[in-house]
PDB file of N, CA and C in Angstrom:
ATOM      1  N   MET A   1     153.898 106.020  -2.395  1.00  0.00           N
ATOM      2  CA  MET A   1     154.606 104.962  -1.333  1.00  0.00           C
ATOM      3  C   MET A   1     155.027 105.742  -0.060  1.00  0.00           C
ATOM      4  N   ALA A   2     155.103 105.335   1.183  1.00  0.00           N
ATOM      5  CA  ALA A   2     155.407 105.789   1.983  1.00  0.00           C
ATOM      6  C   ALA A   2     156.591 105.448   2.667  1.00  0.00           C
ATOM      7  N   GLU A   3     156.826 106.537   3.056  1.00  0.00           N
ATOM      8  CA  GLU A   3     158.671 106.628   3.660  1.00  0.00           C
ATOM      9  C   GLU A   3     158.490 106.777   4.938  1.00  0.00           C
ATOM     10  N   ASP A   4     159.763 106.574   5.690  1.00  0.00           N
ATOM     11  CA  ASP A   4     159.799 107.169   7.128  1.00  0.00           C
ATOM     12  C   ASP A   4     161.027 108.108   6.708  1.00  0.00           C
ATOM     13  N   ASP A   5     161.247 108.748   7.936  1.00  0.00           N
ATOM     14  CA  ASP A   5     162.632 109.811   7.847  1.00  0.00           C
ATOM     15  C   ASP A   5     163.762 109.322   7.812  1.00  0.00           C
ATOM     16  N   SER A   6     164.089 107.915   7.412  1.00  0.00           N
ATOM     17  CA  SER A   6     165.461 107.260   7.173  1.00  0.00           C
ATOM     18  C   SER A   6     165.298 107.250   5.606  1.00  0.00           C
ATOM     19  N   GLY A   7     164.458 107.262   5.625  1.00  0.00           N
ATOM     20  CA  GLY A   7     164.364 107.492   3.863  1.00  0.00           C
ATOM     21  C   GLY A   7     163.818 106.075   2.986  1.00  0.00           C
ATOM     22  N   GLN A   8     163.495 105.258   4.249  1.00  0.00           N
ATOM     23  CA  GLN A   8     163.411 103.654   3.837  1.00  0.00           C
ATOM     24  C   GLN A   8     162.386 103.659   3.413  1.00  0.00           C
ATOM     25  N   ASP A   9     161.578 102.657   2.379  1.00  0.00           N
ATOM     26  CA  ASP A   9     160.658 103.031   1.598  1.00  0.00           C
ATOM     27  C   ASP A   9     159.520 101.841   1.937  1.00  0.00           C
ATOM     28  N   PHE A  10     158.589 101.809   2.639  1.00  0.00           N
ATOM     29  CA  PHE A  10     157.968 100.715   3.198  1.00  0.00           C
ATOM     30  C   PHE A  10     156.303 100.824   2.586  1.00  0.00           C
ATOM     31  N   GLY A  11     156.447  99.560   1.468  1.00  0.00           N
ATOM     32  CA  GLY A  11     155.298  99.816   0.353  1.00  0.00           C
ATOM     33  C   GLY A  11     154.459  98.246   0.917  1.00  0.00           C
ATOM     34  N   LYS A  12     154.054  97.697   0.085  1.00  0.00           N
ATOM     35  CA  LYS A  12     153.178  96.386   0.212  1.00  0.00           C
ATOM     36  C   LYS A  12     154.376  95.157  -0.290  1.00  0.00           C
ATOM     37  N   ALA A  13     155.462  95.544  -0.483  1.00  0.00           N
ATOM     38  CA  ALA A  13     156.728  94.319  -0.508  1.00  0.00           C
ATOM     39  C   ALA A  13     156.955  93.490   1.102  1.00  0.00           C
ATOM     40  N   GLU A  14     157.240  92.796   1.582  1.00  0.00           N
ATOM     41  CA  GLU A  14     157.234  92.154   3.039  1.00  0.00           C
ATOM     42  C   GLU A  14     158.948  91.454   2.565  1.00  0.00           C
ATOM     43  N   ASP A  15     159.484  92.448   3.826  1.00  0.00           N
ATOM     44  CA  ASP A  15     161.046  92.125   3.990  1.00  0.00           C
ATOM     45  C   ASP A  15     161.081  90.569   4.190  1.00  0.00           C
ATOM     46  N   PRO A  16     161.942  89.913   3.084  1.00  0.00           N
ATOM     47  CA  PRO A  16     162.405  88.196   4.156  1.00  0.00           C
ATOM     48  C   PRO A  16     162.910  88.071   5.250  1.00  0.00           C
ATOM     49  N   ARG A  17     163.533  89.174   6.016  1.00  0.00           N
ATOM     50  CA  ARG A  17     164.237  89.303   7.431  1.00  0.00           C
ATOM     51  C   ARG A  17     163.122  89.064   7.693  1.00  0.00           C
ATOM     52  N   LEU A  18     162.067  89.689   7.896  1.00  0.00           N
ATOM     53  CA  LEU A  18     161.499  90.192   9.002  1.00  0.00           C
ATOM     54  C   LEU A  18     160.185  88.822   8.782  1.00  0.00           C
ATOM     55  N   THR A  19     160.023  88.120   7.911  1.00  0.00           N
ATOM     56  CA  THR A  19     159.313  87.228   7.625  1.00  0.00           C
ATOM     57  C   THR A  19     160.155  85.834   8.318  1.00  0.00           C
ATOM     58  N   SER A  20     161.265  86.157   8.251  1.00  0.00           N
ATOM     59  CA  SER A  20     162.309  84.882   8.978  1.00  0.00           C
ATOM     60  C   SER A  20     162.555  85.302  10.326  1.00  0.00           C
ATOM     61  N   LEU A  21     162.469  86.391  11.224  1.00  0.00           N
ATOM     62  CA  LEU A  21     162.521  86.599  12.238  1.00  0.00           C
ATOM     63  C   LEU A  21     161.283  85.947  12.884  1.00  0.00           C
ATOM     64  N   ASP A  22     160.086  86.231  12.125  1.00  0.00           N
ATOM     65  CA  ASP A  22     158.873  85.861  12.760  1.00  0.00           C
ATOM     66  C   ASP A  22     158.562  84.775  13.050  1.00  0.00           C
ATOM     67  N   GLU A  23     158.997  84.022  12.146  1.00  0.00           N
ATOM     68  CA  GLU A  23     159.448  82.349  12.227  1.00  0.00           C
ATOM     69  C   GLU A  23     160.010  81.968  13.247  1.00  0.00           C
ATOM     70  N   ARG A  24     161.193  82.643  13.266  1.00  0.00           N
ATOM     71  CA  ARG A  24     162.004  81.745  14.827  1.00  0.00           C
ATOM     72  C   ARG A  24     161.463  82.008  16.012  1.00  0.00           C
ATOM     73  N   LEU A  25     161.041  83.587  15.767  1.00  0.00           N
ATOM     74  CA  LEU A  25     160.258  84.035  17.796  1.00  0.00           C
ATOM     75  C   LEU A  25     159.698  82.817  17.677  1.00  0.00           C
ATOM     76  N   ARG A  26     158.145  82.526  16.580  1.00  0.00           N
ATOM     77  CA  ARG A  26     157.394  81.927  16.980  1.00  0.00           C
ATOM     78  C   ARG A  26     157.627  79.714  17.131  1.00  0.00           C
ATOM     79  N   GLN A  27     158.954  79.935  16.499  1.00  0.00           N
ATOM     80  CA  GLN A  27     159.711  78.472  16.607  1.00  0.00           C
ATOM     81  C   GLN A  27     160.161  78.633  18.420  1.00  0.00           C
ATOM     82  N   ALA A  28     160.663  79.339  18.741  1.00  0.00           N
ATOM     83  CA  ALA A  28     161.091  79.778  20.137  1.00  0.00           C
ATOM     84  C   ALA A  28     159.984  79.609  21.244  1.00  0.00           C
ATOM     85  N   ARG A  29     159.020  80.422  21.188  1.00  0.00           N
ATOM     86  CA  ARG A  29     157.867  80.082  22.081  1.00  0.00           C
ATOM     87  C   ARG A  29     157.245  78.875  22.004  1.00  0.00           C
ATOM     88  N   ASP A  30     156.981  77.956  20.824  1.00  0.00           N
ATOM     89  CA  ASP A  30     156.629  76.974  20.447  1.00  0.00           C
ATOM     90  C   ASP A  30     158.101  75.843  21.728  1.00  0.00           C
ATOM     91  N   THR A  31     159.079  76.478  21.411  1.00  0.00           N
ATOM     92  CA  THR A  31     160.008  75.451  22.474  1.00  0.00           C
ATOM     93  C   THR A  31     159.650  75.283  23.753  1.00  0.00           C
ATOM     94  N   GLU A  32     159.834  77.119  24.228  1.00  0.00           N
ATOM     95  CA  GLU A  32     160.036  77.063  25.384  1.00  0.00           C
ATOM     96  C   GLU A  32     158.336  76.488  25.928  1.00  0.00           C
ATOM     97  N   ALA A  33     157.324  76.606  25.314  1.00  0.00           N
ATOM     98  CA  ALA A  33     156.117  76.333  25.854  1.00  0.00           C
ATOM     99  C   ALA A  33     155.798  75.039  26.264  1.00  0.00           C
ATOM    100  N   ALA A  34     156.769  74.204  25.315  1.00  0.00           N
ATOM    101  CA  ALA A  34     156.936  72.788  25.238  1.00  0.00           C
ATOM    102  C   ALA A  34     158.217  72.390  26.449  1.00  0.00           C
ATOM    103  N   ARG A  35     158.869  72.741  26.399  1.00  0.00           N
ATOM    104  CA  ARG A  35     160.079  72.790  27.287  1.00  0.00           C
ATOM    105  C   ARG A  35     159.111  73.207  29.038  1.00  0.00           C
ATOM    106  N   SER A  36     158.670  73.850  29.217  1.00  0.00           N
ATOM    107  CA  SER A  36     158.115  74.355  30.822  1.00  0.00           C
ATOM    108  C   SER A  36     157.137  73.594  30.830  1.00  0.00           C
ATOM    109  N   GLY A  37     156.316  73.292  30.207  1.00  0.00           N
ATOM    110  CA  GLY A  37     155.248  72.993  30.093  1.00  0.00           C
ATOM    111  C   GLY A  37     153.427  73.935  30.004  1.00  0.00           C
ATOM    112  N   VAL A  38     153.798  75.221  29.793  1.00  0.00           N
ATOM    113  CA  VAL A  38     153.121  75.659  30.482  1.00  0.00           C
ATOM    114  C   VAL A  38     152.070  75.712  29.093  1.00  0.00           C
ATOM    115  N   LYS A  39     150.955  76.123  28.867  1.00  0.00           N
ATOM    116  CA  LYS A  39     150.195  76.053  27.493  1.00  0.00           C
ATOM    117  C   LYS A  39     149.165  77.306  28.034  1.00  0.00           C
ATOM    118  N   LYS A  40     149.004  78.102  27.080  1.00  0.00           N
ATOM    119  CA  LYS A  40     147.477  79.006  27.085  1.00  0.00           C
ATOM    120  C   LYS A  40     146.776  78.634  28.140  1.00  0.00           C
ATOM    121  N   GLN A  41     145.979  77.455  27.973  1.00  0.00           N
ATOM    122  CA  GLN A  41     145.030  77.122  28.400  1.00  0.00           C
ATOM    123  C   GLN A  41     145.224  77.449  30.245  1.00  0.00           C
ATOM    124  N   ASP A  42     145.800  77.187  30.629  1.00  0.00           N
ATOM    125  CA  ASP A  42     146.711  76.996  31.914  1.00  0.00           C
ATOM    126  C   ASP A  42     146.263  78.115  32.726  1.00  0.00           C
ATOM    127  N   THR A  43     146.822  79.188  31.397  1.00  0.00           N
ATOM    128  CA  THR A  43     147.363  80.731  31.939  1.00  0.00           C
ATOM    129  C   THR A  43     145.634  80.826  32.203  1.00  0.00           C
ATOM    130  N   ASP A  44     144.810  80.851  31.186  1.00  0.00           N
ATOM    131  CA  ASP A  44     143.341  81.703  31.227  1.00  0.00           C
ATOM    132  C   ASP A  44     142.438  80.558  32.089  1.00  0.00           C
ATOM    133  N   ARG A  45     143.177  79.897  32.661  1.00  0.00           N
ATOM    134  CA  ARG A  45     142.008  79.050  33.480  1.00  0.00           C
ATOM    135  C   ARG A  45     142.588  79.760  34.980  1.00  0.00           C
ATOM    136  N   GLY A  46     143.707  80.566  34.869  1.00  0.00           N
ATOM    137  CA  GLY A  46     144.517  81.182  36.036  1.00  0.00           C
ATOM    138  C   GLY A  46     143.476  82.231  36.156  1.00  0.00           C
ATOM    139  N   TYR A  47     143.673  83.471  35.474  1.00  0.00           N
ATOM    140  CA  TYR A  47     142.868  84.206  34.993  1.00  0.00           C
ATOM    141  C   TYR A  47     141.364  84.334  35.513  1.00  0.00           C
ATOM    142  N   SER A  48     140.987  82.914  35.160  1.00  0.00           N
ATOM    143  CA  SER A  48     139.768  82.576  35.277  1.00  0.00           C
ATOM    144  C   SER A  48     139.237  82.264  37.061  1.00  0.00           C
ATOM    145  N   GLN A  49     140.098  81.793  37.209  1.00  0.00           N
ATOM    146  CA  GLN A  49     140.176  81.366  38.681  1.00  0.00           C
ATOM    147  C   GLN A  49     140.310  82.800  39.531  1.00  0.00           C
ATOM    148  N   GLY A  50     141.027  83.793  39.235  1.00  0.00           N
ATOM    149  CA  GLY A  50     141.495  84.646  39.988  1.00  0.00           C
ATOM    150  C   GLY A  50     140.510  85.832  40.273  1.00  0.00           C
ATOM    151  N   ASN A  51     139.382  85.395  38.637  1.00  0.00           N
ATOM    152  CA  ASN A  51     137.952  86.457  38.681  1.00  0.00           C
ATOM    153  C   ASN A  51     137.162  85.897  39.662  1.00  0.00           C
ATOM    154  N   ARG A  52     137.118  84.941  39.844  1.00  0.00           N
ATOM    155  CA  ARG A  52     135.747  84.215  40.146  1.00  0.00           C
ATOM    156  C   ARG A  52     136.209  84.282  41.872  1.00  0.00           C
ATOM    157  N   VAL A  53     137.822  84.308  42.264  1.00  0.00           N
ATOM    158  CA  VAL A  53     137.573  84.136  44.150  1.00  0.00           C
ATOM    159  C   VAL A  53     137.703  85.877  44.042  1.00  0.00           C
ATOM    160  N   ILE A  54     137.924  86.933  43.446  1.00  0.00           N
ATOM    161  CA  ILE A  54     137.705  88.140  43.318  1.00  0.00           C
ATOM    162  C   ILE A  54     135.836  88.364  43.944  1.00  0.00           C
ATOM    163  N   SER A  55     135.564  88.179  42.956  1.00  0.00           N
ATOM    164  CA  SER A  55     133.964  88.003  42.568  1.00  0.00           C
ATOM    165  C   SER A  55     133.408  87.513  44.017  1.00  0.00           C
ATOM    166  N   ALA A  56     134.074  86.234  44.363  1.00  0.00           N
ATOM    167  CA  ALA A  56     133.447  85.682  45.749  1.00  0.00           C
ATOM    168  C   ALA A  56     133.006  86.985  46.483  1.00  0.00           C
ATOM    169  N   LEU A  57     134.797  86.731  46.977  1.00  0.00           N
ATOM    170  CA  LEU A  57     135.020  87.633  47.902  1.00  0.00           C
ATOM    171  C   LEU A  57     134.425  89.447  48.024  1.00  0.00           C
ATOM    172  N   ILE A  58     134.052  89.741  47.402  1.00  0.00           N
ATOM    173  CA  ILE A  58     133.346  90.786  47.137  1.00  0.00           C
ATOM    174  C   ILE A  58     131.992  90.808  47.216  1.00  0.00           C
ATOM    175  N   GLY A  59     131.476  89.940  46.342  1.00  0.00           N
ATOM    176  CA  GLY A  59     129.724  89.376  46.026  1.00  0.00           C
ATOM    177  C   GLY A  59     129.306  89.232  47.591  1.00  0.00           C
ATOM    178  N   SER A  60     130.720  88.188  48.299  1.00  0.00           N
ATOM    179  CA  SER A  60     129.593  87.892  49.530  1.00  0.00           C
ATOM    180  C   SER A  60     129.647  89.256  50.521  1.00  0.00           C
ATOM    181  N   LEU A  61     130.536  89.908  50.776  1.00  0.00           N
ATOM    182  CA  LEU A  61     130.968  91.288  51.575  1.00  0.00           C
ATOM    183  C   LEU A  61     129.842  92.062  51.614  1.00  0.00           C
ATOM    184  N   VAL A  62     129.996  92.143  50.221  1.00  0.00           N
ATOM    185  CA  VAL A  62     128.570  93.356  49.805  1.00  0.00           C
ATOM    186  C   VAL A  62     127.250  93.023  50.443  1.00  0.00           C
ATOM    187  N   GLY A  63     126.797  91.310  49.860  1.00  0.00           N
ATOM    188  CA  GLY A  63     125.595  91.186  50.175  1.00  0.00           C
ATOM    189  C   GLY A  63     125.048  90.578  51.402  1.00  0.00           C
ATOM    190  N   SER A  64     126.967  90.705  52.677  1.00  0.00           N
ATOM    191  CA  SER A  64     126.162  90.323  53.595  1.00  0.00           C
ATOM    192  C   SER A  64     126.206  91.406  54.401  1.00  0.00           C
ATOM    193  N   ALA A  65     127.238  92.567  53.845  1.00  0.00           N
ATOM    194  CA  ALA A  65     126.769  94.151  54.656  1.00  0.00           C
ATOM    195  C   ALA A  65     125.623  94.527  54.523  1.00  0.00           C
ATOM    196  N   LEU A  66     124.505  94.371  53.248  1.00  0.00           N
ATOM    197  CA  LEU A  66     123.494  94.941  52.744  1.00  0.00           C
ATOM    198  C   LEU A  66     122.575  94.147  54.143  1.00  0.00           C
ATOM    199  N   ILE A  67     122.364  92.781  53.957  1.00  0.00           N
ATOM    200  CA  ILE A  67     121.742  91.999  54.782  1.00  0.00           C
ATOM    201  C   ILE A  67     121.852  92.206  56.219  1.00  0.00           C
ATOM    202  N   GLY A  68     123.229  92.334  56.690  1.00  0.00           N
ATOM    203  CA  GLY A  68     123.415  93.582  58.122  1.00  0.00           C
ATOM    204  C   GLY A  68     122.509  93.864  58.523  1.00  0.00           C
ATOM    205  N   TRP A  69     122.840  95.466  57.129  1.00  0.00           N
ATOM    206  CA  TRP A  69     122.402  96.681  57.758  1.00  0.00           C
ATOM    207  C   TRP A  69     120.638  96.682  57.843  1.00  0.00           C
ATOM    208  N   LEU A  70     120.124  96.435  56.678  1.00  0.00           N
ATOM    209  CA  LEU A  70     118.944  95.942  56.715  1.00  0.00           C
ATOM    210  C   LEU A  70     118.117  94.720  58.128  1.00  0.00           C
ATOM    211  N   ILE A  71     118.784  94.112  58.445  1.00  0.00           N
ATOM    212  CA  ILE A  71     118.401  93.853  59.982  1.00  0.00           C
ATOM    213  C   ILE A  71     118.262  95.019  60.845  1.00  0.00           C
ATOM    214  N   ASP A  72     119.539  95.604  60.494  1.00  0.00           N
ATOM    215  CA  ASP A  72     119.705  96.745  61.977  1.00  0.00           C
ATOM    216  C   ASP A  72     118.480  97.271  61.762  1.00  0.00           C
ATOM    217  N   ARG A  73     118.521  97.452  60.452  1.00  0.00           N
ATOM    218  CA  ARG A  73     117.208  98.934  59.948  1.00  0.00           C
ATOM    219  C   ARG A  73     115.743  98.189  61.118  1.00  0.00           C
ATOM    220  N   TRP A  74     115.772  96.934  59.926  1.00  0.00           N
ATOM    221  CA  TRP A  74     114.529  96.406  60.534  1.00  0.00           C
ATOM    222  C   TRP A  74     113.874  96.260  62.122  1.00  0.00           C
ATOM    223  N   PHE A  75     115.209  95.272  63.000  1.00  0.00           N
ATOM    224  CA  PHE A  75     114.963  95.190  64.324  1.00  0.00           C
ATOM    225  C   PHE A  75     115.667  96.553  65.230  1.00  0.00           C
ATOM    226  N   GLY A  76     116.320  97.254  64.940  1.00  0.00           N
ATOM    227  CA  GLY A  76     116.485  98.105  65.293  1.00  0.00           C
ATOM    228  C   GLY A  76     118.008  97.319  66.806  1.00  0.00           C
ATOM    229  N   THR A  77     118.598  96.697  66.271  1.00  0.00           N
ATOM    230  CA  THR A  77     119.935  95.864  66.828  1.00  0.00           C
ATOM    231  C   THR A  77     121.008  96.324  66.210  1.00  0.00           C
ATOM    232  N   ALA A  78     120.850  97.934  65.891  1.00  0.00           N
ATOM    233  CA  ALA A  78     122.330  98.976  65.797  1.00  0.00           C
ATOM    234  C   ALA A  78     123.295  98.214  64.758  1.00  0.00           C
ATOM    235  N   PRO A  79     124.402  97.828  65.612  1.00  0.00           N
ATOM    236  CA  PRO A  79     125.527  97.480  64.491  1.00  0.00           C
ATOM    237  C   PRO A  79     126.033  96.037  64.773  1.00  0.00           C
ATOM    238  N   TRP A  80     125.049  95.104  65.651  1.00  0.00           N
ATOM    239  CA  TRP A  80     124.966  93.523  65.806  1.00  0.00           C
ATOM    240  C   TRP A  80     124.946  93.045  64.754  1.00  0.00           C
ATOM    241  N   GLY A  81     123.521  93.183  64.088  1.00  0.00           N
ATOM    242  CA  GLY A  81     123.429  92.445  62.527  1.00  0.00           C
ATOM    243  C   GLY A  81     124.283  92.594  61.527  1.00  0.00           C
ATOM    244  N   LEU A  82     124.675  94.148  61.362  1.00  0.00           N
ATOM    245  CA  LEU A  82     125.607  94.170  60.763  1.00  0.00           C
ATOM    246  C   LEU A  82     126.974  93.957  61.177  1.00  0.00           C
ATOM    247  N   ILE A  83     127.238  93.459  62.341  1.00  0.00           N
ATOM    248  CA  ILE A  83     128.451  92.747  62.963  1.00  0.00           C
ATOM    249  C   ILE A  83     128.534  91.307  62.143  1.00  0.00           C
ATOM    250  N   VAL A  84     127.697  91.143  62.302  1.00  0.00           N
ATOM    251  CA  VAL A  84     127.779  89.383  62.512  1.00  0.00           C
ATOM    252  C   VAL A  84     127.617  88.861  61.496  1.00  0.00           C
ATOM    253  N   MET A  85     126.564  89.743  60.179  1.00  0.00           N
ATOM    254  CA  MET A  85     126.651  89.327  59.400  1.00  0.00           C
ATOM    255  C   MET A  85     127.593  89.617  58.075  1.00  0.00           C
ATOM    256  N   LEU A  86     128.825  90.445  58.757  1.00  0.00           N
ATOM    257  CA  LEU A  86     130.268  90.988  58.051  1.00  0.00           C
ATOM    258  C   LEU A  86     130.513  89.836  57.843  1.00  0.00           C
ATOM    259  N   PHE A  87     130.768  89.043  59.533  1.00  0.00           N
ATOM    260  CA  PHE A  87     131.892  87.655  59.820  1.00  0.00           C
ATOM    261  C   PHE A  87     131.007  86.636  59.138  1.00  0.00           C
ATOM    262  N   LEU A  88     129.713  86.361  59.283  1.00  0.00           N
ATOM    263  CA  LEU A  88     129.146  85.259  58.636  1.00  0.00           C
ATOM    264  C   LEU A  88     129.786  85.555  56.833  1.00  0.00           C
ATOM    265  N   GLY A  89     129.521  86.797  56.218  1.00  0.00           N
ATOM    266  CA  GLY A  89     130.219  86.883  54.979  1.00  0.00           C
ATOM    267  C   GLY A  89     131.466  86.535  54.524  1.00  0.00           C
ATOM    268  N   ILE A  90     132.181  86.695  55.632  1.00  0.00           N
ATOM    269  CA  ILE A  90     134.427  86.482  55.386  1.00  0.00           C
ATOM    270  C   ILE A  90     134.222  84.832  54.940  1.00  0.00           C
ATOM    271  N   ALA A  91     133.278  84.531  56.445  1.00  0.00           N
ATOM    272  CA  ALA A  91     133.544  82.801  56.698  1.00  0.00           C
ATOM    273  C   ALA A  91     133.117  82.538  55.362  1.00  0.00           C
ATOM    274  N   VAL A  92     132.045  82.695  54.839  1.00  0.00           N
ATOM    275  CA  VAL A  92     131.548  82.240  53.233  1.00  0.00           C
ATOM    276  C   VAL A  92     132.636  82.748  52.303  1.00  0.00           C
ATOM    277  N   ALA A  93     132.809  83.013  52.335  1.00  0.00           N
ATOM    278  CA  ALA A  93     133.823  83.927  51.279  1.00  0.00           C
ATOM    279  C   ALA A  93     134.787  82.893  51.325  1.00  0.00           C
ATOM    280  N   PHE A  94     135.853  82.717  52.618  1.00  0.00           N
ATOM    281  CA  PHE A  94     136.886  81.931  52.947  1.00  0.00           C
ATOM    282  C   PHE A  94     136.239  80.580  52.190  1.00  0.00           C
ATOM    283  N   ARG A  95     135.199  79.903  52.314  1.00  0.00           N
ATOM    284  CA  ARG A  95     135.346  78.820  52.115  1.00  0.00           C
ATOM    285  C   ARG A  95     134.587  78.531  50.432  1.00  0.00           C
ATOM    286  N   GLN A  96     134.175  79.513  49.829  1.00  0.00           N
ATOM    287  CA  GLN A  96     134.009  79.729  48.519  1.00  0.00           C
ATOM    288  C   GLN A  96     135.709  80.080  47.460  1.00  0.00           C
ATOM    289  N   ILE A  97     137.069  80.579  48.431  1.00  0.00           N
ATOM    290  CA  ILE A  97     137.956  80.927  47.852  1.00  0.00           C
ATOM    291  C   ILE A  97     138.977  79.380  48.405  1.00  0.00           C
ATOM    292  N   ILE A  98     138.600  78.814  48.944  1.00  0.00           N
ATOM    293  CA  ILE A  98     139.116  77.551  49.485  1.00  0.00           C
ATOM    294  C   ILE A  98     138.968  76.167  47.949  1.00  0.00           C
ATOM    295  N   ARG A  99     137.452  76.262  48.199  1.00  0.00           N
ATOM    296  CA  ARG A  99     137.333  75.730  47.126  1.00  0.00           C
ATOM    297  C   ARG A  99     137.737  75.936  45.632  1.00  0.00           C
ATOM    298  N   ILE A 100     137.592  77.006  45.335  1.00  0.00           N
ATOM    299  CA  ILE A 100     137.789  77.423  43.941  1.00  0.00           C
ATOM    300  C   ILE A 100     138.846  77.232  44.319  1.00  0.00           C
ATOM    301  N   GLY A 101     140.548  77.071  44.700  1.00  0.00           N
ATOM    302  CA  GLY A 101     141.699  77.163  45.126  1.00  0.00           C
ATOM    303  C   GLY A 101     141.730  75.372  44.831  1.00  0.00           C
ATOM    304  N   GLY A 102     141.144  74.851  45.613  1.00  0.00           N
ATOM    305  CA  GLY A 102     141.344  73.376  45.502  1.00  0.00           C
ATOM    306  C   GLY A 102     140.823  72.209  44.367  1.00  0.00           C
ATOM    307  N   GLU A 103     140.044  73.141  42.748  1.00  0.00           N
ATOM    308  CA  GLU A 103     139.413  72.371  41.681  1.00  0.00           C
ATOM    309  C   GLU A 103     140.664  72.274  41.451  1.00  0.00           C
ATOM    310  N   ARG A 104     140.480  70.924  40.790  1.00  0.00           N
ATOM    311  CA  ARG A 104     141.889  69.944  39.805  1.00  0.00           C
ATOM    312  C   ARG A 104     142.126  70.595  38.521  1.00  0.00           C
ATOM    313  N   PRO A 105     143.034  70.371  37.595  1.00  0.00           N
ATOM    314  CA  PRO A 105     142.788  71.069  36.438  1.00  0.00           C
ATOM    315  C   PRO A 105     142.517  70.067  35.417  1.00  0.00           C
ATOM    316  N   GLU A 106     141.512  70.728  34.828  1.00  0.00           N
ATOM    317  CA  GLU A 106     141.001  69.342  33.248  1.00  0.00           C
ATOM    318  C   GLU A 106     142.360  68.533  32.998  1.00  0.00           C
TER     319      GLU A 106
END
């Protein structure tokens, strides 16, 4: 059997005090969740929405910058294609973010 520095024996037998503490902590979490109305599903939904917002922002900006750069390259319009497409990408990203933020919870 394994022993720690204090000489306590940590075998397979579980301490009833720890079991009792685990049960009380579980009950306290359940009670707090019921009192505050927060569910795990709500927090998961928040993380999901946050990831969607970040991907919409990054994807719109990178995609529009690439298209603007290609337009400048093909038509020789120097920075104007890139600038215009970046502004359009920002507008699209904000539109998507507003739409994601306005979704109703299930």
